[in-house]
Amino acid sequence: MASSSHHNLEGSVDEIFDKTFDQYFDQTFDETLDNLCNVYGNQEDERRRRKKRVFIERNREEDHLQLWNDYFSDTPTYPENLFKRRFRMNKTLFMRIVDRFSNEVRFFRQKQDVTGRLGLSALQKCTAAIRVLAYGYVLDAIDEYLRLGATTARLCVENFVEAIINLFDDEYLRRPTPADLQRLLHIGEVRGFPGMIGSIDCMHWEWKNCPTAWKCQYSRGTLNDINVLDRSPVFDDIINGRAPQVNFSVNGREYHLAYYLTDDIYPKWATFIQSISIPEGPKAVLFAQHQEVVRKDVERAFGVLQARFAIVKNPALCWDKVKIGKIMRACIILHNMIVEDERDDYSKYDVSDFQQGEGSESSHVDLTYSTDIPTNIANQMGVQTRIRDRQAHEQLKSDLVEHIWLNSEVIKTTTSFNAALKLLSFIYVIFVLMF
């Protein structure tokens, strides 16, 4: 009797548990399903209520005609000086760029849609990119005139800088040729620095929207001139034996490494010549004045680049690191193209007289020097030692101080002699008139 009642009790407990569990499961499942249905239904309602993308008819054909009449027709509305101011270059150079892009870059070719309507012209796309680069516009600021939305304007800028780099990088951002070096040496010697091939410095471009994790890597303190120099390939060709050799003499001594003028942050290498921060004596004062005047060329070049392309002057807002680098590279290439196009208009030097052996110049490129030197660690270490030779730096700087002082004395003597001749001629004329 006891065993039978015990089994009946266990069976009733199991039935109660199963019934309770089934009720709880059904209730929970129904509530979860209802919640999911409600959420999905709300999403569907939200999708139905969400506004569709607004289509704006921008009449791009009329804008192309307006742009053509304003700048590119036979009788344009705006003259050449305003074109150069707004496009940052002469019209012939801009049309050369547009012609190459329309023939060689698919993005800039004018296409038709399925209805036969023409898309944006190459002139519109290139003008949009130039305006963004030149004025530093936000992308939708050119919509009213050029009839391009912000997304299309962004694509124009990205494809424009890509095309500039792909088509013109080899010509306008190449290594200097022997002819280029000879021209630079000529200009350096005319300005009182034999063997100088230019000035070197760094320009900072703020990245406003730099990711927080990278901020310390791209600040002025981290990327100062020294750290940039360590990453720079400026001396790679010399170290690997691929650069032409430069020969020049200063104060009776022969040298075989060209040099740059720099400020005081750069190391005292044989290829860098700094000013004298605290000059003592007239020779040191004169050298410091000459060095600082000539060294300002690189800072003026940075100023011209930023004035010409405001996008590299203003903080970079929304582009990533790769795009920022491409924009800077494209702006430098465009700057070099403009300089070449306009060089004859403002050059102070006779560019036809840079051949070796002409005149009394001591600086020249050794065209007999072989650049087929085997690249091995011993040769590379030897060249690096020559480049970083502090004793050679001090000797060259001392010779340049003497060279500039002697040349200034010669100029003063010549000027005094000419003044004396003019005075004697004037006295002679007065004497003749009196008698």
Foldseek 3Di string as FASTA:
>chain_A
DVVVVVVVVVVVVVVVVVVVVVVVVVVVVVVVVVVVVVVVVVVVVVVVVDDDDDDDDLPQVVLVVLVCQQPPDPNHVDDQVVVCVQQVFGPVVLVVLLVCCCVPPPVQPWDADPVRDIDHHNVLLSSLLSNCQQVVDQQQPCCVRSVDHSVSSVVSNLVSLVCLCVPQCCPQVHDDDQLLQLLQQVVCVVLQHHLANEADADDAFAAPPDDPVCVVVRDCVNPDPVNVVVVDCPCVLVLQLNDFWKWFDFLHDIDTHRAHEYDDVDALWLRYAYQDPDDDDPLSVLRNVSSVVRNCPVVVVVVVLCNRTVSRVHHHYDDDPVSVVSSVSSSSSVVSVRCVVCVVVDPPDDSVPSDPPPDDGRIHTDPPDDSPDDGDPVSSVVSVCNGRPNVSSVVSNVSSSVSSVVVVVVVVVVVVVVVVVVVVVVVVVVVVVVD
